[in-house]
């Protein structure tokens, strides 16, 4: 804000920056794996993010949640939204490209819809929604190129990333059910959540982690960026976008993230892009848009509310 009370930087800038940070996260994961094991990538990401959020909480004099019930929900949410999927994506990228991992992540809204519709029954199964889901699932099959078959490594990598996306689907529905009405400030909840994730992964990092003998500087910088930017600054930007942008627009960062993931993966990692990957990703996003009725009249639903609340 400036002295006259007007915002100096619009939410549109933060929206694009948020998509860029989350898109670059898959590149940073790939670089981090050159120095440490997958579980260490996830742990260092959460630890750095927790430190960044704790600093922010201190600067803004934000108190962490004080009710044990809140911490219990944050612990569960962190497992679904942070520690488990972060580890799965890191492991997945030991077998597949950062580009493919970033495109698979575009299926997060699809997984959220499936969980909300068929498992938790939070939303009625309307014909337009079912049609969008079918289109999106077709996109998933095209994205991973099922007709090509899989080697053992690639199958593990794709499976791990899909497992992470499914975790996100449960996480958003859980957050909506148990955390949306709490009086705590968003920064307090985010800080508590990331702290819980750090503690969850600490014993696994100590028991199964491995730091490679050769640790490139680029890998160490990537781990720092992954934590401070991807799990710290991104939460702050997300809160600002959700606060000032319409819910349907705020959740549209899903469409921007895979674009950056593809660009940085090709530009900085020298990865390639098969024809089916962008086609499949576009079908997934089109299916999500169709199911959310973005091509028709605006309709506020669980999908808009949940997808605008939290992300990777």
Foldseek 3Di string as FASTA:
>chain_A
DDPVPDDPDDLVVLLLVLLLLLLCLLVLLLLLVVFKALLVLLLLQLVLQLVLLVVVCVVVVADADDDPLLLVLLLLLLCLAGNQLSSLQSLLCVQDFSLLLQLLLLLLLLLLVCCCVPPVNVDDDDPLLVQLSVLLVVLVCLQLVPVVPDDPSNVSSSVSSNVSSNSSSVSLVSCVVRPPPDPGDLSSSLSSNSVSSNVVSVVVCVVPMDTDPDRDPSSVVSSSSSRCPVSHVSSVSLVVSLVPPPLVVLLCSSVSNSVSNNVCRCVPVVDDDDPSNVVSSVSNVSSSCSSCVVVHDHDDDSSSVSSSNDHD
